[in-house]
Amino acid sequence: MKAHTANLINSLVLIGLGLWGYYENTDAPTALIPVFFGIALLIATKGIKENNKIMSHSAILFTIIIFIALVGMRLPKSLDQGGVGLYRVIVMSGTSLVAIIFFIKSFIDARKNK
């Protein structure tokens, strides 16, 4: 898998599961944070595919921020609450981690090819 594909999957998961969480729960605006990050990542996908360094570095920065927010802030709350929300957070965290790994791999490969 390439970085742009991992980013595309991650962005769609963030958008879909973020909207699901927003509509299923109390309509809290903070539930839309993954959706906004997902939209930004979705926009960056074309630039990542074209090897645009600014888009790639911006996308990994956004991905790391959302990963830290999900694991550091949302996951402990979801562990206490349990239910489907916990699975949503685990899936969003997992796809974000996979995207980070593929970004790092693509940066290493680009450095080797220089």
PDB file of N, CA and C in Angstrom:
ATOM      1  N   MET A   1       0.853  -1.170   0.000  1.00  0.00           N
ATOM      2  CA  MET A   1       0.000   0.000   0.000  1.00  0.00           C
ATOM      3  C   MET A   1       0.902   1.238   0.000  1.00  0.00           C
ATOM      4  N   LYS A   2       0.463   2.252  -0.673  1.00  0.00           N
ATOM      5  CA  LYS A   2       1.209   3.506  -0.739  1.00  0.00           C
ATOM      6  C   LYS A   2       0.630   4.504   0.257  1.00  0.00           C
ATOM      7  N   ALA A   3       1.387   5.568   0.519  1.00  0.00           N
ATOM      8  CA  ALA A   3       0.978   6.556   1.514  1.00  0.00           C
ATOM      9  C   ALA A   3      -0.339   7.229   1.136  1.00  0.00           C
ATOM     10  N   HIS A   4      -0.518   7.530  -0.149  1.00  0.00           N
ATOM     11  CA  HIS A   4      -1.763   8.207  -0.539  1.00  0.00           C
ATOM     12  C   HIS A   4      -2.979   7.290  -0.362  1.00  0.00           C
ATOM     13  N   THR A   5      -2.801   6.000  -0.559  1.00  0.00           N
ATOM     14  CA  THR A   5      -3.912   5.063  -0.356  1.00  0.00           C
ATOM     15  C   THR A   5      -4.246   4.940   1.129  1.00  0.00           C
ATOM     16  N   ALA A   6      -3.218   4.834   1.955  1.00  0.00           N
ATOM     17  CA  ALA A   6      -3.433   4.762   3.408  1.00  0.00           C
ATOM     18  C   ALA A   6      -4.086   6.049   3.903  1.00  0.00           C
ATOM     19  N   ASN A   7      -3.672   7.189   3.347  1.00  0.00           N
ATOM     20  CA  ASN A   7      -4.272   8.465   3.727  1.00  0.00           C
ATOM     21  C   ASN A   7      -5.733   8.531   3.310  1.00  0.00           C
ATOM     22  N   LEU A   8      -6.043   8.065   2.105  1.00  0.00           N
ATOM     23  CA  LEU A   8      -7.419   8.067   1.624  1.00  0.00           C
ATOM     24  C   LEU A   8      -8.306   7.205   2.508  1.00  0.00           C
ATOM     25  N   ILE A   9      -7.845   6.013   2.831  1.00  0.00           N
ATOM     26  CA  ILE A   9      -8.623   5.118   3.704  1.00  0.00           C
ATOM     27  C   ILE A   9      -8.821   5.757   5.068  1.00  0.00           C
ATOM     28  N   ASN A  10      -7.741   6.318   5.625  1.00  0.00           N
ATOM     29  CA  ASN A  10      -7.830   6.948   6.934  1.00  0.00           C
ATOM     30  C   ASN A  10      -8.815   8.118   6.918  1.00  0.00           C
ATOM     31  N   SER A  11      -8.752   8.948   5.885  1.00  0.00           N
ATOM     32  CA  SER A  11      -9.649  10.105   5.825  1.00  0.00           C
ATOM     33  C   SER A  11     -11.109   9.680   5.714  1.00  0.00           C
ATOM     34  N   LEU A  12     -11.385   8.653   4.924  1.00  0.00           N
ATOM     35  CA  LEU A  12     -12.772   8.184   4.794  1.00  0.00           C
ATOM     36  C   LEU A  12     -13.281   7.565   6.094  1.00  0.00           C
ATOM     37  N   VAL A  13     -12.404   6.852   6.798  1.00  0.00           N
ATOM     38  CA  VAL A  13     -12.785   6.270   8.092  1.00  0.00           C
ATOM     39  C   VAL A  13     -13.057   7.380   9.103  1.00  0.00           C
ATOM     40  N   LEU A  14     -12.192   8.388   9.152  1.00  0.00           N
ATOM     41  CA  LEU A  14     -12.401   9.491  10.086  1.00  0.00           C
ATOM     42  C   LEU A  14     -13.716  10.218   9.799  1.00  0.00           C
ATOM     43  N   ILE A  15     -13.995  10.456   8.538  1.00  0.00           N
ATOM     44  CA  ILE A  15     -15.235  11.142   8.169  1.00  0.00           C
ATOM     45  C   ILE A  15     -16.449  10.281   8.513  1.00  0.00           C
ATOM     46  N   GLY A  16     -16.433   9.042   8.064  1.00  0.00           N
ATOM     47  CA  GLY A  16     -17.599   8.167   8.272  1.00  0.00           C
ATOM     48  C   GLY A  16     -17.878   7.867   9.732  1.00  0.00           C
ATOM     49  N   LEU A  17     -16.854   7.442  10.457  1.00  0.00           N
ATOM     50  CA  LEU A  17     -17.073   7.089  11.861  1.00  0.00           C
ATOM     51  C   LEU A  17     -17.292   8.327  12.724  1.00  0.00           C
ATOM     52  N   GLY A  18     -16.670   9.450  12.337  1.00  0.00           N
ATOM     53  CA  GLY A  18     -16.906  10.697  13.069  1.00  0.00           C
ATOM     54  C   GLY A  18     -18.352  11.157  12.934  1.00  0.00           C
ATOM     55  N   LEU A  19     -18.884  11.086  11.716  1.00  0.00           N
ATOM     56  CA  LEU A  19     -20.297  11.455  11.515  1.00  0.00           C
ATOM     57  C   LEU A  19     -21.228  10.486  12.228  1.00  0.00           C
ATOM     58  N   TRP A  20     -20.911   9.220  12.197  1.00  0.00           N
ATOM     59  CA  TRP A  20     -21.705   8.212  12.904  1.00  0.00           C
ATOM     60  C   TRP A  20     -21.740   8.534  14.402  1.00  0.00           C
ATOM     61  N   GLY A  21     -20.589   8.811  14.976  1.00  0.00           N
ATOM     62  CA  GLY A  21     -20.521   9.149  16.396  1.00  0.00           C
ATOM     63  C   GLY A  21     -21.279  10.424  16.722  1.00  0.00           C
ATOM     64  N   TYR A  22     -21.221  11.402  15.832  1.00  0.00           N
ATOM     65  CA  TYR A  22     -21.926  12.666  16.048  1.00  0.00           C
ATOM     66  C   TYR A  22     -23.436  12.456  16.063  1.00  0.00           C
ATOM     67  N   TYR A  23     -23.950  11.731  15.083  1.00  0.00           N
ATOM     68  CA  TYR A  23     -25.395  11.545  14.994  1.00  0.00           C
ATOM     69  C   TYR A  23     -25.927  10.537  15.997  1.00  0.00           C
ATOM     70  N   GLU A  24     -25.097   9.576  16.401  1.00  0.00           N
ATOM     71  CA  GLU A  24     -25.557   8.569  17.360  1.00  0.00           C
ATOM     72  C   GLU A  24     -25.611   9.113  18.783  1.00  0.00           C
ATOM     73  N   ASN A  25     -24.682  10.009  19.093  1.00  0.00           N
ATOM     74  CA  ASN A  25     -24.595  10.507  20.458  1.00  0.00           C
ATOM     75  C   ASN A  25     -25.320  11.830  20.615  1.00  0.00           C
ATOM     76  N   THR A  26     -24.847  12.653  21.459  1.00  0.00           N
ATOM     77  CA  THR A  26     -25.558  13.855  21.890  1.00  0.00           C
ATOM     78  C   THR A  26     -25.424  15.046  20.955  1.00  0.00           C
ATOM     79  N   ASP A  27     -25.020  14.837  19.744  1.00  0.00           N
ATOM     80  CA  ASP A  27     -24.808  15.925  18.791  1.00  0.00           C
ATOM     81  C   ASP A  27     -23.786  16.937  19.307  1.00  0.00           C
ATOM     82  N   ALA A  28     -22.802  16.449  20.063  1.00  0.00           N
ATOM     83  CA  ALA A  28     -21.748  17.330  20.575  1.00  0.00           C
ATOM     84  C   ALA A  28     -20.843  17.746  19.419  1.00  0.00           C
ATOM     85  N   PRO A  29     -20.569  19.045  19.293  1.00  0.00           N
ATOM     86  CA  PRO A  29     -19.736  19.498  18.177  1.00  0.00           C
ATOM     87  C   PRO A  29     -18.313  18.936  18.214  1.00  0.00           C
ATOM     88  N   THR A  30     -17.827  18.541  19.372  1.00  0.00           N
ATOM     89  CA  THR A  30     -16.484  17.981  19.448  1.00  0.00           C
ATOM     90  C   THR A  30     -16.389  16.632  18.739  1.00  0.00           C
ATOM     91  N   ALA A  31     -17.506  15.969  18.539  1.00  0.00           N
ATOM     92  CA  ALA A  31     -17.507  14.697  17.813  1.00  0.00           C
ATOM     93  C   ALA A  31     -17.196  14.910  16.333  1.00  0.00           C
ATOM     94  N   LEU A  32     -17.266  16.150  15.888  1.00  0.00           N
ATOM     95  CA  LEU A  32     -16.975  16.449  14.484  1.00  0.00           C
ATOM     96  C   LEU A  32     -15.485  16.711  14.227  1.00  0.00           C
ATOM     97  N   ILE A  33     -14.665  16.733  15.268  1.00  0.00           N
ATOM     98  CA  ILE A  33     -13.232  16.985  15.084  1.00  0.00           C
ATOM     99  C   ILE A  33     -12.609  15.975  14.125  1.00  0.00           C
ATOM    100  N   PRO A  34     -12.849  14.649  14.290  1.00  0.00           N
ATOM    101  CA  PRO A  34     -12.279  13.707  13.314  1.00  0.00           C
ATOM    102  C   PRO A  34     -12.797  13.940  11.891  1.00  0.00           C
ATOM    103  N   VAL A  35     -14.018  14.424  11.774  1.00  0.00           N
ATOM    104  CA  VAL A  35     -14.587  14.696  10.448  1.00  0.00           C
ATOM    105  C   VAL A  35     -13.807  15.815   9.767  1.00  0.00           C
ATOM    106  N   PHE A  36     -13.519  16.888  10.505  1.00  0.00           N
ATOM    107  CA  PHE A  36     -12.771  18.008   9.924  1.00  0.00           C
ATOM    108  C   PHE A  36     -11.354  17.592   9.535  1.00  0.00           C
ATOM    109  N   PHE A  37     -10.705  16.810  10.400  1.00  0.00           N
ATOM    110  CA  PHE A  37      -9.381  16.305  10.055  1.00  0.00           C
ATOM    111  C   PHE A  37      -9.466  15.382   8.842  1.00  0.00           C
ATOM    112  N   GLY A  38     -10.502  14.553   8.780  1.00  0.00           N
ATOM    113  CA  GLY A  38     -10.691  13.647   7.648  1.00  0.00           C
ATOM    114  C   GLY A  38     -10.883  14.398   6.345  1.00  0.00           C
ATOM    115  N   ILE A  39     -11.631  15.486   6.381  1.00  0.00           N
ATOM    116  CA  ILE A  39     -11.843  16.294   5.178  1.00  0.00           C
ATOM    117  C   ILE A  39     -10.527  16.920   4.725  1.00  0.00           C
ATOM    118  N   ALA A  40      -9.750  17.447   5.678  1.00  0.00           N
ATOM    119  CA  ALA A  40      -8.445  18.034   5.330  1.00  0.00           C
ATOM    120  C   ALA A  40      -7.528  16.979   4.720  1.00  0.00           C
ATOM    121  N   LEU A  41      -7.533  15.782   5.279  1.00  0.00           N
ATOM    122  CA  LEU A  41      -6.699  14.703   4.752  1.00  0.00           C
ATOM    123  C   LEU A  41      -7.184  14.252   3.373  1.00  0.00           C
ATOM    124  N   LEU A  42      -8.490  14.240   3.190  1.00  0.00           N
ATOM    125  CA  LEU A  42      -9.051  13.860   1.893  1.00  0.00           C
ATOM    126  C   LEU A  42      -8.626  14.850   0.809  1.00  0.00           C
ATOM    127  N   ILE A  43      -8.626  16.127   1.149  1.00  0.00           N
ATOM    128  CA  ILE A  43      -8.198  17.154   0.201  1.00  0.00           C
ATOM    129  C   ILE A  43      -6.720  16.979  -0.148  1.00  0.00           C
ATOM    130  N   ALA A  44      -5.923  16.576   0.832  1.00  0.00           N
ATOM    131  CA  ALA A  44      -4.476  16.433   0.628  1.00  0.00           C
ATOM    132  C   ALA A  44      -4.103  15.188  -0.171  1.00  0.00           C
ATOM    133  N   THR A  45      -5.014  14.261  -0.343  1.00  0.00           N
ATOM    134  CA  THR A  45      -4.702  12.982  -0.983  1.00  0.00           C
ATOM    135  C   THR A  45      -4.129  13.145  -2.387  1.00  0.00           C
ATOM    136  N   LYS A  46      -4.694  14.042  -3.170  1.00  0.00           N
ATOM    137  CA  LYS A  46      -4.206  14.235  -4.540  1.00  0.00           C
ATOM    138  C   LYS A  46      -2.765  14.736  -4.524  1.00  0.00           C
ATOM    139  N   GLY A  47      -2.467  15.682  -3.656  1.00  0.00           N
ATOM    140  CA  GLY A  47      -1.104  16.196  -3.561  1.00  0.00           C
ATOM    141  C   GLY A  47      -0.117  15.142  -3.098  1.00  0.00           C
ATOM    142  N   ILE A  48      -0.561  14.276  -2.196  1.00  0.00           N
ATOM    143  CA  ILE A  48       0.304  13.198  -1.716  1.00  0.00           C
ATOM    144  C   ILE A  48       0.614  12.240  -2.858  1.00  0.00           C
ATOM    145  N   LYS A  49      -0.402  11.933  -3.660  1.00  0.00           N
ATOM    146  CA  LYS A  49      -0.212  11.024  -4.791  1.00  0.00           C
ATOM    147  C   LYS A  49       0.769  11.606  -5.803  1.00  0.00           C
ATOM    148  N   GLU A  50       0.789  12.935  -5.934  1.00  0.00           N
ATOM    149  CA  GLU A  50       1.682  13.606  -6.876  1.00  0.00           C
ATOM    150  C   GLU A  50       3.038  13.926  -6.242  1.00  0.00           C
ATOM    151  N   ASN A  51       3.308  13.363  -5.063  1.00  0.00           N
ATOM    152  CA  ASN A  51       4.581  13.553  -4.346  1.00  0.00           C
ATOM    153  C   ASN A  51       4.844  15.002  -3.959  1.00  0.00           C
ATOM    154  N   ASN A  52       3.794  15.742  -3.617  1.00  0.00           N
ATOM    155  CA  ASN A  52       3.937  17.107  -3.131  1.00  0.00           C
ATOM    156  C   ASN A  52       4.395  17.053  -1.676  1.00  0.00           C
ATOM    157  N   LYS A  53       5.611  17.568  -1.412  1.00  0.00           N
ATOM    158  CA  LYS A  53       6.190  17.460  -0.076  1.00  0.00           C
ATOM    159  C   LYS A  53       5.389  18.222   0.973  1.00  0.00           C
ATOM    160  N   ILE A  54       4.896  19.391   0.616  1.00  0.00           N
ATOM    161  CA  ILE A  54       4.141  20.191   1.580  1.00  0.00           C
ATOM    162  C   ILE A  54       2.863  19.472   1.974  1.00  0.00           C
ATOM    163  N   MET A  55       2.168  18.913   1.006  1.00  0.00           N
ATOM    164  CA  MET A  55       0.928  18.187   1.299  1.00  0.00           C
ATOM    165  C   MET A  55       1.214  16.937   2.126  1.00  0.00           C
ATOM    166  N   SER A  56       2.279  16.232   1.797  1.00  0.00           N
ATOM    167  CA  SER A  56       2.625  15.022   2.545  1.00  0.00           C
ATOM    168  C   SER A  56       2.977  15.338   3.987  1.00  0.00           C
ATOM    169  N   HIS A  57       3.776  16.372   4.187  1.00  0.00           N
ATOM    170  CA  HIS A  57       4.165  16.718   5.546  1.00  0.00           C
ATOM    171  C   HIS A  57       2.991  17.295   6.343  1.00  0.00           C
ATOM    172  N   SER A  58       2.130  18.049   5.680  1.00  0.00           N
ATOM    173  CA  SER A  58       0.926  18.555   6.353  1.00  0.00           C
ATOM    174  C   SER A  58       0.002  17.400   6.741  1.00  0.00           C
ATOM    175  N   ALA A  59      -0.139  16.456   5.842  1.00  0.00           N
ATOM    176  CA  ALA A  59      -1.027  15.319   6.107  1.00  0.00           C
ATOM    177  C   ALA A  59      -0.515  14.474   7.266  1.00  0.00           C
ATOM    178  N   ILE A  60       0.790  14.212   7.316  1.00  0.00           N
ATOM    179  CA  ILE A  60       1.297  13.412   8.432  1.00  0.00           C
ATOM    180  C   ILE A  60       1.169  14.194   9.735  1.00  0.00           C
ATOM    181  N   LEU A  61       1.341  15.512   9.696  1.00  0.00           N
ATOM    182  CA  LEU A  61       1.154  16.314  10.899  1.00  0.00           C
ATOM    183  C   LEU A  61      -0.287  16.204  11.400  1.00  0.00           C
ATOM    184  N   PHE A  62      -1.260  16.371  10.499  1.00  0.00           N
ATOM    185  CA  PHE A  62      -2.667  16.234  10.889  1.00  0.00           C
ATOM    186  C   PHE A  62      -2.971  14.831  11.400  1.00  0.00           C
ATOM    187  N   THR A  63      -2.393  13.832  10.751  1.00  0.00           N
ATOM    188  CA  THR A  63      -2.629  12.449  11.159  1.00  0.00           C
ATOM    189  C   THR A  63      -2.063  12.183  12.548  1.00  0.00           C
ATOM    190  N   ILE A  64      -0.877  12.706  12.826  1.00  0.00           N
ATOM    191  CA  ILE A  64      -0.284  12.528  14.154  1.00  0.00           C
ATOM    192  C   ILE A  64      -1.113  13.255  15.213  1.00  0.00           C
ATOM    193  N   ILE A  65      -1.577  14.455  14.896  1.00  0.00           N
ATOM    194  CA  ILE A  65      -2.404  15.209  15.853  1.00  0.00           C
ATOM    195  C   ILE A  65      -3.682  14.453  16.175  1.00  0.00           C
ATOM    196  N   ILE A  66      -4.380  13.954  15.158  1.00  0.00           N
ATOM    197  CA  ILE A  66      -5.640  13.248  15.419  1.00  0.00           C
ATOM    198  C   ILE A  66      -5.377  11.930  16.131  1.00  0.00           C
ATOM    199  N   PHE A  67      -4.266  11.261  15.817  1.00  0.00           N
ATOM    200  CA  PHE A  67      -3.922  10.017  16.501  1.00  0.00           C
ATOM    201  C   PHE A  67      -3.681  10.271  17.991  1.00  0.00           C
ATOM    202  N   ILE A  68      -2.913  11.308  18.304  1.00  0.00           N
ATOM    203  CA  ILE A  68      -2.647  11.636  19.710  1.00  0.00           C
ATOM    204  C   ILE A  68      -3.940  12.015  20.425  1.00  0.00           C
ATOM    205  N   ALA A  69      -4.797  12.778  19.757  1.00  0.00           N
ATOM    206  CA  ALA A  69      -6.070  13.167  20.370  1.00  0.00           C
ATOM    207  C   ALA A  69      -6.961  11.950  20.622  1.00  0.00           C
ATOM    208  N   LEU A  70      -7.001  11.050  19.668  1.00  0.00           N
ATOM    209  CA  LEU A  70      -7.837   9.854  19.830  1.00  0.00           C
ATOM    210  C   LEU A  70      -7.317   8.953  20.940  1.00  0.00           C
ATOM    211  N   VAL A  71      -6.019   8.684  20.935  1.00  0.00           N
ATOM    212  CA  VAL A  71      -5.443   7.752  21.908  1.00  0.00           C
ATOM    213  C   VAL A  71      -5.312   8.402  23.284  1.00  0.00           C
ATOM    214  N   GLY A  72      -4.903   9.662  23.312  1.00  0.00           N
ATOM    215  CA  GLY A  72      -4.642  10.313  24.592  1.00  0.00           C
ATOM    216  C   GLY A  72      -5.863  10.847  25.295  1.00  0.00           C
ATOM    217  N   MET A  73      -6.854  11.307  24.530  1.00  0.00           N
ATOM    218  CA  MET A  73      -8.011  11.939  25.161  1.00  0.00           C
ATOM    219  C   MET A  73      -9.292  11.113  25.033  1.00  0.00           C
ATOM    220  N   ARG A  74      -9.559  10.636  23.841  1.00  0.00           N
ATOM    221  CA  ARG A  74     -10.847   9.961  23.611  1.00  0.00           C
ATOM    222  C   ARG A  74     -10.849   8.506  24.055  1.00  0.00           C
ATOM    223  N   LEU A  75      -9.754   7.792  23.833  1.00  0.00           N
ATOM    224  CA  LEU A  75      -9.714   6.367  24.161  1.00  0.00           C
ATOM    225  C   LEU A  75      -9.956   6.096  25.645  1.00  0.00           C
ATOM    226  N   PRO A  76      -9.325   6.829  26.583  1.00  0.00           N
ATOM    227  CA  PRO A  76      -9.621   6.551  28.000  1.00  0.00           C
ATOM    228  C   PRO A  76     -11.096   6.741  28.355  1.00  0.00           C
ATOM    229  N   LYS A  77     -11.736   7.751  27.782  1.00  0.00           N
ATOM    230  CA  LYS A  77     -13.167   7.967  28.039  1.00  0.00           C
ATOM    231  C   LYS A  77     -13.997   6.831  27.446  1.00  0.00           C
ATOM    232  N   SER A  78     -13.621   6.404  26.248  1.00  0.00           N
ATOM    233  CA  SER A  78     -14.363   5.318  25.596  1.00  0.00           C
ATOM    234  C   SER A  78     -14.174   3.996  26.318  1.00  0.00           C
ATOM    235  N   LEU A  79     -12.998   3.784  26.891  1.00  0.00           N
ATOM    236  CA  LEU A  79     -12.777   2.554  27.670  1.00  0.00           C
ATOM    237  C   LEU A  79     -13.708   2.510  28.882  1.00  0.00           C
ATOM    238  N   ASP A  80     -13.909   3.660  29.513  1.00  0.00           N
ATOM    239  CA  ASP A  80     -14.818   3.720  30.660  1.00  0.00           C
ATOM    240  C   ASP A  80     -16.271   3.510  30.244  1.00  0.00           C
ATOM    241  N   GLN A  81     -16.648   4.078  29.101  1.00  0.00           N
ATOM    242  CA  GLN A  81     -18.033   3.996  28.644  1.00  0.00           C
ATOM    243  C   GLN A  81     -18.345   2.680  27.946  1.00  0.00           C
ATOM    244  N   GLY A  82     -17.370   2.125  27.248  1.00  0.00           N
ATOM    245  CA  GLY A  82     -17.586   0.889  26.498  1.00  0.00           C
ATOM    246  C   GLY A  82     -18.515   1.108  25.320  1.00  0.00           C
ATOM    247  N   GLY A  83     -19.067   0.043  24.819  1.00  0.00           N
ATOM    248  CA  GLY A  83     -20.028   0.115  23.726  1.00  0.00           C
ATOM    249  C   GLY A  83     -19.391   0.306  22.368  1.00  0.00           C
ATOM    250  N   VAL A  84     -20.218   0.705  21.419  1.00  0.00           N
ATOM    251  CA  VAL A  84     -19.803   0.854  20.034  1.00  0.00           C
ATOM    252  C   VAL A  84     -18.820   2.007  19.879  1.00  0.00           C
ATOM    253  N   GLY A  85     -18.935   3.031  20.716  1.00  0.00           N
ATOM    254  CA  GLY A  85     -18.028   4.171  20.648  1.00  0.00           C
ATOM    255  C   GLY A  85     -16.579   3.755  20.829  1.00  0.00           C
ATOM    256  N   LEU A  86     -16.359   2.764  21.668  1.00  0.00           N
ATOM    257  CA  LEU A  86     -14.998   2.259  21.878  1.00  0.00           C
ATOM    258  C   LEU A  86     -14.445   1.667  20.588  1.00  0.00           C
ATOM    259  N   TYR A  87     -15.247   0.908  19.887  1.00  0.00           N
ATOM    260  CA  TYR A  87     -14.806   0.298  18.627  1.00  0.00           C
ATOM    261  C   TYR A  87     -14.531   1.357  17.564  1.00  0.00           C
ATOM    262  N   ARG A  88     -15.355   2.409  17.535  1.00  0.00           N
ATOM    263  CA  ARG A  88     -15.117   3.499  16.585  1.00  0.00           C
ATOM    264  C   ARG A  88     -13.764   4.148  16.844  1.00  0.00           C
ATOM    265  N   VAL A  89     -13.466   4.416  18.107  1.00  0.00           N
ATOM    266  CA  VAL A  89     -12.190   5.060  18.457  1.00  0.00           C
ATOM    267  C   VAL A  89     -11.021   4.141  18.119  1.00  0.00           C
ATOM    268  N   ILE A  90     -11.163   2.853  18.384  1.00  0.00           N
ATOM    269  CA  ILE A  90     -10.088   1.900  18.078  1.00  0.00           C
ATOM    270  C   ILE A  90      -9.842   1.843  16.567  1.00  0.00           C
ATOM    271  N   VAL A  91     -10.896   1.807  15.776  1.00  0.00           N
ATOM    272  CA  VAL A  91     -10.735   1.746  14.315  1.00  0.00           C
ATOM    273  C   VAL A  91     -10.104   3.037  13.793  1.00  0.00           C
ATOM    274  N   MET A  92     -10.571   4.203  14.265  1.00  0.00           N
ATOM    275  CA  MET A  92      -9.994   5.462  13.811  1.00  0.00           C
ATOM    276  C   MET A  92      -8.521   5.567  14.215  1.00  0.00           C
ATOM    277  N   SER A  93      -8.203   5.140  15.429  1.00  0.00           N
ATOM    278  CA  SER A  93      -6.810   5.152  15.879  1.00  0.00           C
ATOM    279  C   SER A  93      -5.966   4.200  15.052  1.00  0.00           C
ATOM    280  N   GLY A  94      -6.510   3.040  14.761  1.00  0.00           N
ATOM    281  CA  GLY A  94      -5.778   2.042  13.980  1.00  0.00           C
ATOM    282  C   GLY A  94      -5.477   2.506  12.572  1.00  0.00           C
ATOM    283  N   THR A  95      -6.465   3.082  11.901  1.00  0.00           N
ATOM    284  CA  THR A  95      -6.213   3.554  10.532  1.00  0.00           C
ATOM    285  C   THR A  95      -5.248   4.739  10.529  1.00  0.00           C
ATOM    286  N   SER A  96      -5.322   5.563  11.562  1.00  0.00           N
ATOM    287  CA  SER A  96      -4.379   6.679  11.658  1.00  0.00           C
ATOM    288  C   SER A  96      -2.961   6.166  11.868  1.00  0.00           C
ATOM    289  N   LEU A  97      -2.793   5.168  12.715  1.00  0.00           N
ATOM    290  CA  LEU A  97      -1.466   4.591  12.947  1.00  0.00           C
ATOM    291  C   LEU A  97      -0.916   3.952  11.674  1.00  0.00           C
ATOM    292  N   VAL A  98      -1.747   3.234  10.956  1.00  0.00           N
ATOM    293  CA  VAL A  98      -1.314   2.621   9.694  1.00  0.00           C
ATOM    294  C   VAL A  98      -0.897   3.705   8.693  1.00  0.00           C
ATOM    295  N   ALA A  99      -1.664   4.789   8.617  1.00  0.00           N
ATOM    296  CA  ALA A  99      -1.308   5.882   7.711  1.00  0.00           C
ATOM    297  C   ALA A  99       0.031   6.500   8.108  1.00  0.00           C
ATOM    298  N   ILE A 100       0.256   6.682   9.406  1.00  0.00           N
ATOM    299  CA  ILE A 100       1.536   7.230   9.878  1.00  0.00           C
ATOM    300  C   ILE A 100       2.684   6.321   9.449  1.00  0.00           C
ATOM    301  N   ILE A 101       2.507   5.031   9.623  1.00  0.00           N
ATOM    302  CA  ILE A 101       3.549   4.071   9.244  1.00  0.00           C
ATOM    303  C   ILE A 101       3.864   4.167   7.750  1.00  0.00           C
ATOM    304  N   PHE A 102       2.840   4.250   6.913  1.00  0.00           N
ATOM    305  CA  PHE A 102       3.077   4.322   5.468  1.00  0.00           C
ATOM    306  C   PHE A 102       3.665   5.666   5.048  1.00  0.00           C
ATOM    307  N   PHE A 103       3.309   6.740   5.762  1.00  0.00           N
ATOM    308  CA  PHE A 103       3.950   8.026   5.489  1.00  0.00           C
ATOM    309  C   PHE A 103       5.440   7.943   5.799  1.00  0.00           C
ATOM    310  N   ILE A 104       5.780   7.409   6.956  1.00  0.00           N
ATOM    311  CA  ILE A 104       7.189   7.294   7.340  1.00  0.00           C
ATOM    312  C   ILE A 104       7.940   6.433   6.334  1.00  0.00           C
ATOM    313  N   LYS A 105       7.317   5.320   5.923  1.00  0.00           N
ATOM    314  CA  LYS A 105       7.953   4.447   4.930  1.00  0.00           C
ATOM    315  C   LYS A 105       8.185   5.199   3.619  1.00  0.00           C
ATOM    316  N   SER A 106       7.218   5.998   3.194  1.00  0.00           N
ATOM    317  CA  SER A 106       7.379   6.743   1.936  1.00  0.00           C
ATOM    318  C   SER A 106       8.453   7.820   2.072  1.00  0.00           C
ATOM    319  N   PHE A 107       8.571   8.434   3.250  1.00  0.00           N
ATOM    320  CA  PHE A 107       9.629   9.431   3.449  1.00  0.00           C
ATOM    321  C   PHE A 107      11.008   8.771   3.407  1.00  0.00           C
ATOM    322  N   ILE A 108      11.124   7.593   4.013  1.00  0.00           N
ATOM    323  CA  ILE A 108      12.393   6.852   3.990  1.00  0.00           C
ATOM    324  C   ILE A 108      12.740   6.447   2.568  1.00  0.00           C
ATOM    325  N   ASP A 109      11.758   5.942   1.827  1.00  0.00           N
ATOM    326  CA  ASP A 109      11.995   5.546   0.432  1.00  0.00           C
ATOM    327  C   ASP A 109      12.398   6.740  -0.437  1.00  0.00           C
ATOM    328  N   ALA A 110      11.772   7.891  -0.215  1.00  0.00           N
ATOM    329  CA  ALA A 110      12.119   9.088  -0.979  1.00  0.00           C
ATOM    330  C   ALA A 110      13.543   9.533  -0.685  1.00  0.00           C
ATOM    331  N   ARG A 111      13.940   9.397   0.578  1.00  0.00           N
ATOM    332  CA  ARG A 111      15.301   9.771   0.961  1.00  0.00           C
ATOM    333  C   ARG A 111      16.321   8.836   0.319  1.00  0.00           C
ATOM    334  N   LYS A 112      15.999   7.533   0.267  1.00  0.00           N
ATOM    335  CA  LYS A 112      16.900   6.565  -0.347  1.00  0.00           C
ATOM    336  C   LYS A 112      17.050   6.797  -1.847  1.00  0.00           C
ATOM    337  N   ASN A 113      15.966   7.214  -2.489  1.00  0.00           N
ATOM    338  CA  ASN A 113      15.985   7.425  -3.943  1.00  0.00           C
ATOM    339  C   ASN A 113      16.663   8.719  -4.367  1.00  0.00           C
ATOM    340  N   LYS A 114      17.001   9.564  -3.428  1.00  0.00           N
ATOM    341  CA  LYS A 114      17.650  10.840  -3.755  1.00  0.00           C
ATOM    342  C   LYS A 114      19.048  10.680  -4.213  1.00  0.00           C
TER     343      LYS A 114
END
